Amino acid sequence: KGRFFIFRDYARNTMYLQMNRLKPEDTSVYYCAAQRGLIVVLTSV
């Protein structure tokens, strides 16, 4: 929170993750996910 920001290009069906002030602990494989409804949880993607 305060470092990463999500936004979308609605017309192009593209989502972005802007990552700022990156830290070594941010090192990861980053995955995009979609879930029908209002929330997203690991087991229901």
ModelCIF file with pLDDT and N, C-alpha, C, O atoms, coordinates in Angstrom:
data_MODEL
#
_entry.id   MODEL 
#
_entity.id                         1 
_entity.type                       polymer 
_entity.pdbx_number_of_molecules   1 
#
_entity_poly.entity_id                      1 
_entity_poly.type                           'polypeptide(L)' 
_entity_poly.nstd_linkage                   no 
_entity_poly.nstd_monomer                   no 
_entity_poly.pdbx_seq_one_letter_code       KGRFFIFRDYARNTMYLQMNRLKPEDTSVYYCAAQRGLIVVLTSV 
_entity_poly.pdbx_seq_one_letter_code_can   KGRFFIFRDYARNTMYLQMNRLKPEDTSVYYCAAQRGLIVVLTSV 
_entity_poly.pdbx_strand_id                 A 
#
loop_
_entity_poly_seq.entity_id 
_entity_poly_seq.num 
_entity_poly_seq.mon_id 
_entity_poly_seq.hetero 
1 1  LYS n 
1 2  GLY n 
1 3  ARG n 
1 4  PHE n 
1 5  PHE n 
1 6  ILE n 
1 7  PHE n 
1 8  ARG n 
1 9  ASP n 
1 10 TYR n 
1 11 ALA n 
1 12 ARG n 
1 13 ASN n 
1 14 THR n 
1 15 MET n 
1 16 TYR n 
1 17 LEU n 
1 18 GLN n 
1 19 MET n 
1 20 ASN n 
1 21 ARG n 
1 22 LEU n 
1 23 LYS n 
1 24 PRO n 
1 25 GLU n 
1 26 ASP n 
1 27 THR n 
1 28 SER n 
1 29 VAL n 
1 30 TYR n 
1 31 TYR n 
1 32 CYS n 
1 33 ALA n 
1 34 ALA n 
1 35 GLN n 
1 36 ARG n 
1 37 GLY n 
1 38 LEU n 
1 39 ILE n 
1 40 VAL n 
1 41 VAL n 
1 42 LEU n 
1 43 THR n 
1 44 SER n 
1 45 VAL n 
#
_struct_asym.id          A 
_struct_asym.entity_id   1 
#
loop_
_ma_qa_metric.id 
_ma_qa_metric.mode 
_ma_qa_metric.name 
_ma_qa_metric.software_group_id 
_ma_qa_metric.type 
1 global pLDDT . pLDDT 
2 local  pLDDT . pLDDT 
#
_ma_qa_metric_global.metric_id      1 
_ma_qa_metric_global.metric_value   96.04 
_ma_qa_metric_global.model_id       1 
_ma_qa_metric_global.ordinal_id     1 
#
loop_
_ma_qa_metric_local.label_asym_id 
_ma_qa_metric_local.label_comp_id 
_ma_qa_metric_local.label_seq_id 
_ma_qa_metric_local.metric_id 
_ma_qa_metric_local.metric_value 
_ma_qa_metric_local.model_id 
_ma_qa_metric_local.ordinal_id 
A LYS 1  2 97.00 1 1  
A GLY 2  2 98.00 1 2  
A ARG 3  2 98.00 1 3  
A PHE 4  2 98.00 1 4  
A PHE 5  2 98.00 1 5  
A ILE 6  2 98.00 1 6  
A PHE 7  2 97.00 1 7  
A ARG 8  2 97.00 1 8  
A ASP 9  2 97.00 1 9  
A TYR 10 2 95.00 1 10 
A ALA 11 2 94.00 1 11 
A ARG 12 2 96.00 1 12 
A ASN 13 2 96.00 1 13 
A THR 14 2 98.00 1 14 
A MET 15 2 98.00 1 15 
A TYR 16 2 98.00 1 16 
A LEU 17 2 98.00 1 17 
A GLN 18 2 98.00 1 18 
A MET 19 2 98.00 1 19 
A ASN 20 2 98.00 1 20 
A ARG 21 2 98.00 1 21 
A LEU 22 2 98.00 1 22 
A LYS 23 2 97.00 1 23 
A PRO 24 2 97.00 1 24 
A GLU 25 2 96.00 1 25 
A ASP 26 2 98.00 1 26 
A THR 27 2 98.00 1 27 
A SER 28 2 98.00 1 28 
A VAL 29 2 98.00 1 29 
A TYR 30 2 98.00 1 30 
A TYR 31 2 98.00 1 31 
A CYS 32 2 98.00 1 32 
A ALA 33 2 98.00 1 33 
A ALA 34 2 97.00 1 34 
A GLN 35 2 97.00 1 35 
A ARG 36 2 96.00 1 36 
A GLY 37 2 92.00 1 37 
A LEU 38 2 88.00 1 38 
A ILE 39 2 85.00 1 39 
A VAL 40 2 88.00 1 40 
A VAL 41 2 90.00 1 41 
A LEU 42 2 91.00 1 42 
A THR 43 2 93.00 1 43 
A SER 44 2 94.00 1 44 
A VAL 45 2 96.00 1 45 
#
loop_
_atom_site.group_PDB 
_atom_site.id 
_atom_site.type_symbol 
_atom_site.label_atom_id 
_atom_site.label_alt_id 
_atom_site.label_comp_id 
_atom_site.label_asym_id 
_atom_site.label_entity_id 
_atom_site.label_seq_id 
_atom_site.pdbx_PDB_ins_code 
_atom_site.Cartn_x 
_atom_site.Cartn_y 
_atom_site.Cartn_z 
_atom_site.occupancy 
_atom_site.B_iso_or_equiv 
_atom_site.pdbx_formal_charge 
_atom_site.auth_seq_id 
_atom_site.auth_comp_id 
_atom_site.auth_asym_id 
_atom_site.auth_atom_id 
_atom_site.pdbx_PDB_model_num 
ATOM 1   N N  . LYS A 1 1  ? 0.832   -1.200  0.000   1.00 97.00 ? 1  LYS A N  1 
ATOM 2   C CA . LYS A 1 1  ? 0.000   0.000   0.000   1.00 97.00 ? 1  LYS A CA 1 
ATOM 3   C C  . LYS A 1 1  ? 0.870   1.256   0.000   1.00 97.00 ? 1  LYS A C  1 
ATOM 4   O O  . LYS A 1 1  ? 1.791   1.391   0.806   1.00 97.00 ? 1  LYS A O  1 
ATOM 5   N N  . GLY A 1 2  ? 0.562   2.166   -0.914  1.00 98.00 ? 2  GLY A N  1 
ATOM 6   C CA . GLY A 1 2  ? 1.333   3.389   -1.051  1.00 98.00 ? 2  GLY A CA 1 
ATOM 7   C C  . GLY A 1 2  ? 2.503   3.279   -2.000  1.00 98.00 ? 2  GLY A C  1 
ATOM 8   O O  . GLY A 1 2  ? 3.068   4.299   -2.393  1.00 98.00 ? 2  GLY A O  1 
ATOM 9   N N  . ARG A 1 3  ? 2.887   2.061   -2.386  1.00 98.00 ? 3  ARG A N  1 
ATOM 10  C CA . ARG A 1 3  ? 3.988   1.842   -3.319  1.00 98.00 ? 3  ARG A CA 1 
ATOM 11  C C  . ARG A 1 3  ? 3.511   1.276   -4.654  1.00 98.00 ? 3  ARG A C  1 
ATOM 12  O O  . ARG A 1 3  ? 4.020   1.656   -5.709  1.00 98.00 ? 3  ARG A O  1 
ATOM 13  N N  . PHE A 1 4  ? 2.545   0.377   -4.610  1.00 98.00 ? 4  PHE A N  1 
ATOM 14  C CA . PHE A 1 4  ? 2.014   -0.271  -5.808  1.00 98.00 ? 4  PHE A CA 1 
ATOM 15  C C  . PHE A 1 4  ? 0.642   0.298   -6.143  1.00 98.00 ? 4  PHE A C  1 
ATOM 16  O O  . PHE A 1 4  ? -0.138  0.635   -5.252  1.00 98.00 ? 4  PHE A O  1 
ATOM 17  N N  . PHE A 1 5  ? 0.358   0.399   -7.433  1.00 98.00 ? 5  PHE A N  1 
ATOM 18  C CA . PHE A 1 5  ? -0.924  0.921   -7.882  1.00 98.00 ? 5  PHE A CA 1 
ATOM 19  C C  . PHE A 1 5  ? -1.443  0.103   -9.057  1.00 98.00 ? 5  PHE A C  1 
ATOM 20  O O  . PHE A 1 5  ? -0.692  -0.228  -9.974  1.00 98.00 ? 5  PHE A O  1 
ATOM 21  N N  . ILE A 1 6  ? -2.732  -0.219  -9.020  1.00 98.00 ? 6  ILE A N  1 
ATOM 22  C CA . ILE A 1 6  ? -3.381  -0.954  -10.091 1.00 98.00 ? 6  ILE A CA 1 
ATOM 23  C C  . ILE A 1 6  ? -4.284  -0.017  -10.877 1.00 98.00 ? 6  ILE A C  1 
ATOM 24  O O  . ILE A 1 6  ? -5.038  0.761   -10.293 1.00 98.00 ? 6  ILE A O  1 
ATOM 25  N N  . PHE A 1 7  ? -4.210  -0.089  -12.192 1.00 97.00 ? 7  PHE A N  1 
ATOM 26  C CA . PHE A 1 7  ? -5.145  0.627   -13.036 1.00 97.00 ? 7  PHE A CA 1 
ATOM 27  C C  . PHE A 1 7  ? -5.400  -0.192  -14.292 1.00 97.00 ? 7  PHE A C  1 
ATOM 28  O O  . PHE A 1 7  ? -4.696  -1.166  -14.557 1.00 97.00 ? 7  PHE A O  1 
ATOM 29  N N  . ARG A 1 8  ? -6.396  0.197   -15.055 1.00 97.00 ? 8  ARG A N  1 
ATOM 30  C CA . ARG A 1 8  ? -6.777  -0.579  -16.222 1.00 97.00 ? 8  ARG A CA 1 
ATOM 31  C C  . ARG A 1 8  ? -7.023  0.314   -17.425 1.00 97.00 ? 8  ARG A C  1 
ATOM 32  O O  . ARG A 1 8  ? -7.389  1.481   -17.284 1.00 97.00 ? 8  ARG A O  1 
ATOM 33  N N  . ASP A 1 9  ? -6.820  -0.243  -18.602 1.00 97.00 ? 9  ASP A N  1 
ATOM 34  C CA . ASP A 1 9  ? -7.272  0.330   -19.853 1.00 97.00 ? 9  ASP A CA 1 
ATOM 35  C C  . ASP A 1 9  ? -8.503  -0.476  -20.230 1.00 97.00 ? 9  ASP A C  1 
ATOM 36  O O  . ASP A 1 9  ? -8.394  -1.561  -20.802 1.00 97.00 ? 9  ASP A O  1 
ATOM 37  N N  . TYR A 1 10 ? -9.661  0.053   -19.911 1.00 95.00 ? 10 TYR A N  1 
ATOM 38  C CA . TYR A 1 10 ? -10.903 -0.684  -20.058 1.00 95.00 ? 10 TYR A CA 1 
ATOM 39  C C  . TYR A 1 10 ? -11.135 -1.111  -21.517 1.00 95.00 ? 10 TYR A C  1 
ATOM 40  O O  . TYR A 1 10 ? -11.540 -2.244  -21.774 1.00 95.00 ? 10 TYR A O  1 
ATOM 41  N N  . ALA A 1 11 ? -10.882 -0.215  -22.456 1.00 94.00 ? 11 ALA A N  1 
ATOM 42  C CA . ALA A 1 11 ? -11.142 -0.494  -23.868 1.00 94.00 ? 11 ALA A CA 1 
ATOM 43  C C  . ALA A 1 11 ? -10.240 -1.587  -24.420 1.00 94.00 ? 11 ALA A C  1 
ATOM 44  O O  . ALA A 1 11 ? -10.626 -2.291  -25.353 1.00 94.00 ? 11 ALA A O  1 
ATOM 45  N N  . ARG A 1 12 ? -9.045  -1.741  -23.860 1.00 96.00 ? 12 ARG A N  1 
ATOM 46  C CA . ARG A 1 12 ? -8.084  -2.718  -24.362 1.00 96.00 ? 12 ARG A CA 1 
ATOM 47  C C  . ARG A 1 12 ? -8.009  -3.976  -23.501 1.00 96.00 ? 12 ARG A C  1 
ATOM 48  O O  . ARG A 1 12 ? -7.180  -4.851  -23.751 1.00 96.00 ? 12 ARG A O  1 
ATOM 49  N N  . ASN A 1 13 ? -8.877  -4.070  -22.484 1.00 96.00 ? 13 ASN A N  1 
ATOM 50  C CA . ASN A 1 13 ? -8.896  -5.237  -21.602 1.00 96.00 ? 13 ASN A CA 1 
ATOM 51  C C  . ASN A 1 13 ? -7.515  -5.530  -21.009 1.00 96.00 ? 13 ASN A C  1 
ATOM 52  O O  . ASN A 1 13 ? -7.067  -6.676  -20.978 1.00 96.00 ? 13 ASN A O  1 
ATOM 53  N N  . THR A 1 14 ? -6.862  -4.483  -20.547 1.00 98.00 ? 14 THR A N  1 
ATOM 54  C CA . THR A 1 14 ? -5.518  -4.616  -20.006 1.00 98.00 ? 14 THR A CA 1 
ATOM 55  C C  . THR A 1 14 ? -5.452  -4.015  -18.609 1.00 98.00 ? 14 THR A C  1 
ATOM 56  O O  . THR A 1 14 ? -5.918  -2.900  -18.376 1.00 98.00 ? 14 THR A O  1 
ATOM 57  N N  . MET A 1 15 ? -4.868  -4.767  -17.685 1.00 98.00 ? 15 MET A N  1 
ATOM 58  C CA . MET A 1 15 ? -4.656  -4.312  -16.316 1.00 98.00 ? 15 MET A CA 1 
ATOM 59  C C  . MET A 1 15 ? -3.166  -4.108  -16.093 1.00 98.00 ? 15 MET A C  1 
ATOM 60  O O  . MET A 1 15 ? -2.341  -4.845  -16.634 1.00 98.00 ? 15 MET A O  1 
ATOM 61  N N  . TYR A 1 16 ? -2.829  -3.103  -15.294 1.00 98.00 ? 16 TYR A N  1 
ATOM 62  C CA . TYR A 1 16 ? -1.442  -2.777  -15.020 1.00 98.00 ? 16 TYR A CA 1 
ATOM 63  C C  . TYR A 1 16 ? -1.168  -2.791  -13.518 1.00 98.00 ? 16 TYR A C  1 
ATOM 64  O O  . TYR A 1 16 ? -2.047  -2.508  -12.705 1.00 98.00 ? 16 TYR A O  1 
ATOM 65  N N  . LEU A 1 17 ? 0.058   -3.123  -13.178 1.00 98.00 ? 17 LEU A N  1 
ATOM 66  C CA . LEU A 1 17 ? 0.545   -2.995  -11.820 1.00 98.00 ? 17 LEU A CA 1 
ATOM 67  C C  . LEU A 1 17 ? 1.780   -2.107  -11.853 1.00 98.00 ? 17 LEU A C  1 
ATOM 68  O O  . LEU A 1 17 ? 2.842   -2.527  -12.314 1.00 98.00 ? 17 LEU A O  1 
ATOM 69  N N  . GLN A 1 18 ? 1.641   -0.880  -11.365 1.00 98.00 ? 18 GLN A N  1 
ATOM 70  C CA . GLN A 1 18 ? 2.763   0.039   -11.264 1.00 98.00 ? 18 GLN A CA 1 
ATOM 71  C C  . GLN A 1 18 ? 3.424   -0.162  -9.909  1.00 98.00 ? 18 GLN A C  1 
ATOM 72  O O  . GLN A 1 18 ? 2.789   0.040   -8.874  1.00 98.00 ? 18 GLN A O  1 
ATOM 73  N N  . MET A 1 19 ? 4.690   -0.558  -9.906  1.00 98.00 ? 19 MET A N  1 
ATOM 74  C CA . MET A 1 19 ? 5.424   -0.856  -8.688  1.00 98.00 ? 19 MET A CA 1 
ATOM 75  C C  . MET A 1 19 ? 6.512   0.188   -8.501  1.00 98.00 ? 19 MET A C  1 
ATOM 76  O O  . MET A 1 19 ? 7.380   0.350   -9.359  1.00 98.00 ? 19 MET A O  1 
ATOM 77  N N  . ASN A 1 20 ? 6.466   0.897   -7.373  1.00 98.00 ? 20 ASN A N  1 
ATOM 78  C CA . ASN A 1 20 ? 7.429   1.943   -7.054  1.00 98.00 ? 20 ASN A CA 1 
ATOM 79  C C  . ASN A 1 20 ? 8.156   1.617   -5.761  1.00 98.00 ? 20 ASN A C  1 
ATOM 80  O O  . ASN A 1 20 ? 7.667   0.840   -4.942  1.00 98.00 ? 20 ASN A O  1 
ATOM 81  N N  . ARG A 1 21 ? 9.329   2.217   -5.581  1.00 98.00 ? 21 ARG A N  1 
ATOM 82  C CA . ARG A 1 21 ? 10.145  2.029   -4.382  1.00 98.00 ? 21 ARG A CA 1 
ATOM 83  C C  . ARG A 1 21 ? 10.277  0.546   -4.043  1.00 98.00 ? 21 ARG A C  1 
ATOM 84  O O  . ARG A 1 21 ? 10.018  0.113   -2.920  1.00 98.00 ? 21 ARG A O  1 
ATOM 85  N N  . LEU A 1 22 ? 10.685  -0.206  -5.044  1.00 98.00 ? 22 LEU A N  1 
ATOM 86  C CA . LEU A 1 22 ? 10.774  -1.650  -4.906  1.00 98.00 ? 22 LEU A CA 1 
ATOM 87  C C  . LEU A 1 22 ? 11.822  -2.055  -3.870  1.00 98.00 ? 22 LEU A C  1 
ATOM 88  O O  . LEU A 1 22 ? 12.853  -1.402  -3.712  1.00 98.00 ? 22 LEU A O  1 
ATOM 89  N N  . LYS A 1 23 ? 11.527  -3.150  -3.172  1.00 97.00 ? 23 LYS A N  1 
ATOM 90  C CA . LYS A 1 23 ? 12.387  -3.698  -2.145  1.00 97.00 ? 23 LYS A CA 1 
ATOM 91  C C  . LYS A 1 23 ? 12.788  -5.117  -2.521  1.00 97.00 ? 23 LYS A C  1 
ATOM 92  O O  . LYS A 1 23 ? 12.067  -5.778  -3.269  1.00 97.00 ? 23 LYS A O  1 
ATOM 93  N N  . PRO A 1 24 ? 13.930  -5.606  -2.018  1.00 97.00 ? 24 PRO A N  1 
ATOM 94  C CA . PRO A 1 24 ? 14.317  -6.987  -2.317  1.00 97.00 ? 24 PRO A CA 1 
ATOM 95  C C  . PRO A 1 24 ? 13.232  -8.004  -1.955  1.00 97.00 ? 24 PRO A C  1 
ATOM 96  O O  . PRO A 1 24 ? 13.094  -9.019  -2.638  1.00 97.00 ? 24 PRO A O  1 
ATOM 97  N N  . GLU A 1 25 ? 12.470  -7.755  -0.907  1.00 96.00 ? 25 GLU A N  1 
ATOM 98  C CA . GLU A 1 25 ? 11.409  -8.674  -0.510  1.00 96.00 ? 25 GLU A CA 1 
ATOM 99  C C  . GLU A 1 25 ? 10.223  -8.684  -1.468  1.00 96.00 ? 25 GLU A C  1 
ATOM 100 O O  . GLU A 1 25 ? 9.328   -9.517  -1.326  1.00 96.00 ? 25 GLU A O  1 
ATOM 101 N N  . ASP A 1 26 ? 10.199  -7.774  -2.442  1.00 98.00 ? 26 ASP A N  1 
ATOM 102 C CA . ASP A 1 26 ? 9.185   -7.810  -3.487  1.00 98.00 ? 26 ASP A CA 1 
ATOM 103 C C  . ASP A 1 26 ? 9.513   -8.831  -4.570  1.00 98.00 ? 26 ASP A C  1 
ATOM 104 O O  . ASP A 1 26 ? 8.675   -9.110  -5.428  1.00 98.00 ? 26 ASP A O  1 
ATOM 105 N N  . THR A 1 27 ? 10.713  -9.388  -4.544  1.00 98.00 ? 27 THR A N  1 
ATOM 106 C CA . THR A 1 27 ? 11.108  -10.386 -5.532  1.00 98.00 ? 27 THR A CA 1 
ATOM 107 C C  . THR A 1 27 ? 10.147  -11.567 -5.506  1.00 98.00 ? 27 THR A C  1 
ATOM 108 O O  . THR A 1 27 ? 10.005  -12.240 -4.485  1.00 98.00 ? 27 THR A O  1 
ATOM 109 N N  . SER A 1 28 ? 9.487   -11.815 -6.634  1.00 98.00 ? 28 SER A N  1 
ATOM 110 C CA . SER A 1 28 ? 8.464   -12.851 -6.731  1.00 98.00 ? 28 SER A CA 1 
ATOM 111 C C  . SER A 1 28 ? 8.116   -13.076 -8.187  1.00 98.00 ? 28 SER A C  1 
ATOM 112 O O  . SER A 1 28 ? 8.451   -12.268 -9.054  1.00 98.00 ? 28 SER A O  1 
ATOM 113 N N  . VAL A 1 29 ? 7.443   -14.178 -8.444  1.00 98.00 ? 29 VAL A N  1 
ATOM 114 C CA . VAL A 1 29 ? 6.697   -14.322 -9.684  1.00 98.00 ? 29 VAL A CA 1 
ATOM 115 C C  . VAL A 1 29 ? 5.342   -13.673 -9.464  1.00 98.00 ? 29 VAL A C  1 
ATOM 116 O O  . VAL A 1 29 ? 4.644   -13.999 -8.504  1.00 98.00 ? 29 VAL A O  1 
ATOM 117 N N  . TYR A 1 30 ? 4.969   -12.764 -10.339 1.00 98.00 ? 30 TYR A N  1 
ATOM 118 C CA . TYR A 1 30 ? 3.716   -12.041 -10.224 1.00 98.00 ? 30 TYR A CA 1 
ATOM 119 C C  . TYR A 1 30 ? 2.700   -12.623 -11.199 1.00 98.00 ? 30 TYR A C  1 
ATOM 120 O O  . TYR A 1 30 ? 2.986   -12.799 -12.384 1.00 98.00 ? 30 TYR A O  1 
ATOM 121 N N  . TYR A 1 31 ? 1.506   -12.920 -10.682 1.00 98.00 ? 31 TYR A N  1 
ATOM 122 C CA . TYR A 1 31 ? 0.451   -13.565 -11.457 1.00 98.00 ? 31 TYR A CA 1 
ATOM 123 C C  . TYR A 1 31 ? -0.774  -12.671 -11.582 1.00 98.00 ? 31 TYR A C  1 
ATOM 124 O O  . TYR A 1 31 ? -1.179  -12.015 -10.622 1.00 98.00 ? 31 TYR A O  1 
ATOM 125 N N  . CYS A 1 32 ? -1.343  -12.652 -12.747 1.00 98.00 ? 32 CYS A N  1 
ATOM 126 C CA . CYS A 1 32 ? -2.624  -12.015 -12.996 1.00 98.00 ? 32 CYS A CA 1 
ATOM 127 C C  . CYS A 1 32 ? -3.736  -13.027 -12.752 1.00 98.00 ? 32 CYS A C  1 
ATOM 128 O O  . CYS A 1 32 ? -3.589  -14.200 -13.093 1.00 98.00 ? 32 CYS A O  1 
ATOM 129 N N  . ALA A 1 33 ? -4.851  -12.586 -12.164 1.00 98.00 ? 33 ALA A N  1 
ATOM 130 C CA . ALA A 1 33 ? -5.956  -13.480 -11.859 1.00 98.00 ? 33 ALA A CA 1 
ATOM 131 C C  . ALA A 1 33 ? -7.285  -12.774 -12.065 1.00 98.00 ? 33 ALA A C  1 
ATOM 132 O O  . ALA A 1 33 ? -7.368  -11.548 -11.985 1.00 98.00 ? 33 ALA A O  1 
ATOM 133 N N  . ALA A 1 34 ? -8.328  -13.558 -12.331 1.00 97.00 ? 34 ALA A N  1 
ATOM 134 C CA . ALA A 1 34 ? -9.677  -13.022 -12.506 1.00 97.00 ? 34 ALA A CA 1 
ATOM 135 C C  . ALA A 1 34 ? -10.680 -13.931 -11.814 1.00 97.00 ? 34 ALA A C  1 
ATOM 136 O O  . ALA A 1 34 ? -10.581 -15.155 -11.891 1.00 97.00 ? 34 ALA A O  1 
ATOM 137 N N  . GLN A 1 35 ? -11.648 -13.320 -11.139 1.00 97.00 ? 35 GLN A N  1 
ATOM 138 C CA . GLN A 1 35 ? -12.682 -14.074 -10.444 1.00 97.00 ? 35 GLN A CA 1 
ATOM 139 C C  . GLN A 1 35 ? -14.017 -13.370 -10.595 1.00 97.00 ? 35 GLN A C  1 
ATOM 140 O O  . GLN A 1 35 ? -14.113 -12.155 -10.419 1.00 97.00 ? 35 GLN A O  1 
ATOM 141 N N  . ARG A 1 36 ? -15.037 -14.131 -10.918 1.00 96.00 ? 36 ARG A N  1 
ATOM 142 C CA . ARG A 1 36 ? -16.377 -13.569 -11.025 1.00 96.00 ? 36 ARG A CA 1 
ATOM 143 C C  . ARG A 1 36 ? -16.857 -13.131 -9.657  1.00 96.00 ? 36 ARG A C  1 
ATOM 144 O O  . ARG A 1 36 ? -16.767 -13.882 -8.686  1.00 96.00 ? 36 ARG A O  1 
ATOM 145 N N  . GLY A 1 37 ? -17.366 -11.913 -9.585  1.00 92.00 ? 37 GLY A N  1 
ATOM 146 C CA . GLY A 1 37 ? -17.866 -11.386 -8.333  1.00 92.00 ? 37 GLY A CA 1 
ATOM 147 C C  . GLY A 1 37 ? -17.086 -10.168 -7.880  1.00 92.00 ? 37 GLY A C  1 
ATOM 148 O O  . GLY A 1 37 ? -16.361 -9.550  -8.660  1.00 92.00 ? 37 GLY A O  1 
ATOM 149 N N  . LEU A 1 38 ? -17.247 -9.831  -6.599  1.00 88.00 ? 38 LEU A N  1 
ATOM 150 C CA . LEU A 1 38 ? -16.680 -8.602  -6.053  1.00 88.00 ? 38 LEU A CA 1 
ATOM 151 C C  . LEU A 1 38 ? -15.316 -8.776  -5.410  1.00 88.00 ? 38 LEU A C  1 
ATOM 152 O O  . LEU A 1 38 ? -14.612 -7.792  -5.185  1.00 88.00 ? 38 LEU A O  1 
ATOM 153 N N  . ILE A 1 39 ? -14.931 -10.009 -5.110  1.00 85.00 ? 39 ILE A N  1 
ATOM 154 C CA . ILE A 1 39 ? -13.675 -10.263 -4.426  1.00 85.00 ? 39 ILE A CA 1 
ATOM 155 C C  . ILE A 1 39 ? -12.874 -11.339 -5.145  1.00 85.00 ? 39 ILE A C  1 
ATOM 156 O O  . ILE A 1 39 ? -13.406 -12.081 -5.971  1.00 85.00 ? 39 ILE A O  1 
ATOM 157 N N  . VAL A 1 40 ? -11.586 -11.411 -4.817  1.00 88.00 ? 40 VAL A N  1 
ATOM 158 C CA . VAL A 1 40 ? -10.697 -12.444 -5.348  1.00 88.00 ? 40 VAL A CA 1 
ATOM 159 C C  . VAL A 1 40 ? -9.984  -13.110 -4.181  1.00 88.00 ? 40 VAL A C  1 
ATOM 160 O O  . VAL A 1 40 ? -9.355  -12.434 -3.366  1.00 88.00 ? 40 VAL A O  1 
ATOM 161 N N  . VAL A 1 41 ? -10.078 -14.427 -4.098  1.00 90.00 ? 41 VAL A N  1 
ATOM 162 C CA . VAL A 1 41 ? -9.348  -15.191 -3.097  1.00 90.00 ? 41 VAL A CA 1 
ATOM 163 C C  . VAL A 1 41 ? -8.629  -16.338 -3.798  1.00 90.00 ? 41 VAL A C  1 
ATOM 164 O O  . VAL A 1 41 ? -9.094  -16.841 -4.820  1.00 90.00 ? 41 VAL A O  1 
ATOM 165 N N  . LEU A 1 42 ? -7.500  -16.745 -3.244  1.00 91.00 ? 42 LEU A N  1 
ATOM 166 C CA . LEU A 1 42 ? -6.631  -17.731 -3.864  1.00 91.00 ? 42 LEU A CA 1 
ATOM 167 C C  . LEU A 1 42 ? -7.363  -18.989 -4.314  1.00 91.00 ? 42 LEU A C  1 
ATOM 168 O O  . LEU A 1 42 ? -7.152  -19.470 -5.427  1.00 91.00 ? 42 LEU A O  1 
ATOM 169 N N  . THR A 1 43 ? -8.221  -19.521 -3.452  1.00 93.00 ? 43 THR A N  1 
ATOM 170 C CA . THR A 1 43 ? -8.845  -20.808 -3.709  1.00 93.00 ? 43 THR A CA 1 
ATOM 171 C C  . THR A 1 43 ? -10.030 -20.738 -4.659  1.00 93.00 ? 43 THR A C  1 
ATOM 172 O O  . THR A 1 43 ? -10.568 -21.776 -5.045  1.00 93.00 ? 43 THR A O  1 
ATOM 173 N N  . SER A 1 44 ? -10.451 -19.530 -5.047  1.00 94.00 ? 44 SER A N  1 
ATOM 174 C CA . SER A 1 44 ? -11.636 -19.385 -5.877  1.00 94.00 ? 44 SER A CA 1 
ATOM 175 C C  . SER A 1 44 ? -11.377 -18.667 -7.194  1.00 94.00 ? 44 SER A C  1 
ATOM 176 O O  . SER A 1 44 ? -12.324 -18.284 -7.880  1.00 94.00 ? 44 SER A O  1 
ATOM 177 N N  . VAL A 1 45 ? -10.130 -18.480 -7.555  1.00 96.00 ? 45 VAL A N  1 
ATOM 178 C CA . VAL A 1 45 ? -9.795  -17.794 -8.799  1.00 96.00 ? 45 VAL A CA 1 
ATOM 179 C C  . VAL A 1 45 ? -10.283 -18.602 -9.998  1.00 96.00 ? 45 VAL A C  1 
ATOM 180 O O  . VAL A 1 45 ? -10.093 -18.185 -11.141 1.00 96.00 ? 45 VAL A O  1 
#
